[in-house]
Amino acid sequence: MDQRVSLVTLGVADIAAARAFYERLGWRASSASSADVVFFQAGGMAVGLYRFESLADDAGAVAARNGSAAVTLALNLGSPEAVDATLAEAEAAGADIVKPAEKVFWGGYSGYFRDPDGHYWEVAHNPGWILGTDGAVRLPQ
């Protein structure tokens, strides 16, 4: 199996409302989007928005909307100041700040927000990771 992730799909309650939230963050939907699913280019991968029930049906699973942090998404940035600015932008767009940014035990700086559908996003600066000009993370060998 290739060691990569191509798409992360988030189950959402309302496609239009979720799309509007991410667009308030400055994301631009792909022309591959429709009324039933929305895609955003996210560096070398994509993020999709799909109704909870449709996503569960597609996977043959029971729909669950528990808003847990069992899975988190992360955005790594080049500085602590960029982390603070991004968390402020997320809050202004309608996110809940669940953990304000702070220095963390692994030597970086991070905080968390929760989007309107309960998905947790970590916004972090890790001085030990290299960010490409396209925002792609390059892990130390």
Protein backbone atom coordinates (compact mmCIF):
# COMPACT_ATOMS: atom_id res chain seq x y z
CA MET A 1 0.00 0.00 0.00
CA ASP A 2 1.26 3.49 -0.84
CA GLN A 3 2.22 5.50 2.24
CA ARG A 4 -0.02 8.52 1.69
CA VAL A 5 -3.48 9.95 2.24
CA SER A 6 -5.32 11.31 -0.80
CA LEU A 7 -8.64 12.42 0.68
CA VAL A 8 -10.10 13.08 4.12
CA THR A 9 -13.91 13.16 4.05
CA LEU A 10 -15.77 14.85 6.89
CA GLY A 11 -19.34 13.83 7.68
CA VAL A 12 -21.44 16.97 8.08
CA ALA A 13 -25.04 17.76 9.03
CA ASP A 14 -25.62 20.37 6.31
CA ILE A 15 -23.48 20.52 3.16
CA ALA A 16 -24.26 24.19 2.39
CA ALA A 17 -23.57 25.35 5.95
CA ALA A 18 -20.33 23.35 6.17
CA ARG A 19 -19.18 24.67 2.79
CA ALA A 20 -19.93 28.23 3.92
CA PHE A 21 -17.87 27.73 7.11
CA TYR A 22 -14.80 26.50 5.22
CA GLU A 23 -15.20 29.25 2.63
CA ARG A 24 -15.24 31.80 5.49
CA LEU A 25 -11.83 30.32 6.39
CA GLY A 26 -10.69 31.26 2.89
CA TRP A 27 -10.90 27.78 1.31
CA ARG A 28 -12.08 27.54 -2.30
CA ALA A 29 -14.29 24.66 -3.41
CA SER A 30 -13.24 22.62 -6.42
CA SER A 31 -15.31 22.55 -9.60
CA ALA A 32 -15.69 18.81 -8.85
CA SER A 33 -18.11 19.80 -6.07
CA SER A 34 -21.90 19.47 -6.26
CA ALA A 35 -24.92 20.00 -4.01
CA ASP A 36 -24.21 16.56 -2.49
CA VAL A 37 -20.46 16.71 -1.90
CA VAL A 38 -17.87 19.48 -1.68
CA PHE A 39 -14.14 19.08 -2.31
CA PHE A 40 -11.28 21.39 -1.37
CA GLN A 41 -7.69 21.06 -2.56
CA ALA A 42 -5.51 20.91 0.54
CA GLY A 43 -1.87 20.87 -0.50
CA GLY A 44 -1.15 17.50 -2.06
CA MET A 45 -4.43 15.99 -0.87
CA ALA A 46 -8.13 16.87 -0.75
CA VAL A 47 -10.74 17.40 1.95
CA GLY A 48 -14.33 16.45 1.22
CA LEU A 49 -17.62 17.34 2.92
CA TYR A 50 -20.41 14.75 2.70
CA ARG A 51 -23.62 14.30 4.71
CA PHE A 52 -23.16 12.12 7.83
CA GLU A 53 -25.86 9.69 6.75
CA SER A 54 -24.58 9.45 3.17
CA LEU A 55 -21.02 8.84 4.34
CA ALA A 56 -22.15 6.12 6.75
CA ASP A 57 -24.30 4.51 4.05
CA ASP A 58 -21.40 4.61 1.59
CA ALA A 59 -19.14 2.87 4.13
CA GLY A 60 -21.82 0.40 5.22
CA ALA A 61 -21.72 1.77 8.76
CA VAL A 62 -24.03 3.36 11.30
CA ALA A 63 -23.96 7.16 11.23
CA ALA A 64 -22.45 8.68 14.35
CA ARG A 65 -22.29 12.37 15.19
CA ASN A 66 -20.54 12.42 18.49
CA GLY A 67 -18.17 15.34 17.84
CA SER A 68 -15.35 13.41 19.44
CA ALA A 69 -11.65 13.87 19.04
CA ALA A 70 -11.16 10.24 18.00
CA VAL A 71 -9.78 11.68 14.76
CA THR A 72 -8.23 15.11 14.47
CA LEU A 73 -7.07 17.06 11.46
CA ALA A 74 -4.01 19.26 11.66
CA LEU A 75 -2.69 22.35 9.96
CA ASN A 76 1.03 22.94 10.50
CA LEU A 77 2.28 26.49 10.08
CA GLY A 78 5.60 28.30 10.03
CA SER A 79 5.40 30.23 13.30
CA PRO A 80 3.53 30.58 16.60
CA GLU A 81 2.18 33.92 15.33
CA ALA A 82 0.64 32.14 12.32
CA VAL A 83 -1.00 29.66 14.72
CA ASP A 84 -2.55 32.50 16.75
CA ALA A 85 -3.78 34.28 13.61
CA THR A 86 -5.29 31.10 12.19
CA LEU A 87 -7.13 30.25 15.42
CA ALA A 88 -8.53 33.80 15.50
CA GLU A 89 -9.63 33.45 11.87
CA ALA A 90 -11.32 30.11 12.63
CA GLU A 91 -13.15 31.61 15.60
CA ALA A 92 -14.33 34.55 13.50
CA ALA A 93 -15.63 32.08 10.91
CA GLY A 94 -17.73 30.28 13.53
CA ALA A 95 -15.41 27.67 15.08
CA ASP A 96 -15.21 26.96 18.80
CA ILE A 97 -11.73 27.28 20.27
CA VAL A 98 -11.45 24.17 22.43
CA LYS A 99 -7.82 24.66 23.45
CA PRO A 100 -6.10 28.03 23.09
CA ALA A 101 -2.63 27.88 21.59
CA GLU A 102 0.22 27.30 24.00
CA LYS A 103 3.76 25.96 24.15
CA VAL A 104 3.52 22.17 24.26
CA PHE A 105 5.64 19.36 25.69
CA TRP A 106 7.09 18.30 22.32
CA GLY A 107 8.70 21.70 21.79
CA GLY A 108 6.14 23.30 19.53
CA TYR A 109 3.12 25.55 19.85
CA SER A 110 -0.44 24.44 19.19
CA GLY A 111 -4.13 24.91 19.88
CA TYR A 112 -7.38 23.30 18.75
CA PHE A 113 -10.66 24.42 17.26
CA ARG A 114 -13.85 22.49 16.56
CA ASP A 115 -15.79 23.18 13.36
CA PRO A 116 -19.61 23.52 13.43
CA ASP A 117 -19.99 19.74 12.84
CA GLY A 118 -17.70 18.82 15.72
CA HIS A 119 -14.50 18.00 13.79
CA TYR A 120 -11.37 18.85 15.75
CA TRP A 121 -8.54 20.72 14.04
CA GLU A 122 -5.12 21.17 15.59
CA VAL A 123 -3.29 24.29 14.44
CA ALA A 124 0.40 23.88 15.19
CA HIS A 125 3.92 25.10 14.71
CA ASN A 126 6.51 22.32 14.98
CA PRO A 127 10.03 23.74 14.74
CA GLY A 128 11.38 20.25 14.03
CA TRP A 129 9.36 19.76 10.83
CA ILE A 130 10.08 21.33 7.46
CA LEU A 131 7.24 22.99 5.55
CA GLY A 132 7.53 23.17 1.78
CA THR A 133 6.53 26.27 -0.14
CA ASP A 134 3.26 24.47 -0.93
CA GLY A 135 2.65 23.84 2.79
CA ALA A 136 3.51 20.16 2.54
CA VAL A 137 5.07 18.68 5.67
CA ARG A 138 8.46 17.01 5.30
CA LEU A 139 9.19 14.81 8.28
CA PRO A 140 12.75 14.34 9.51
CA GLN A 141 14.29 11.12 8.20
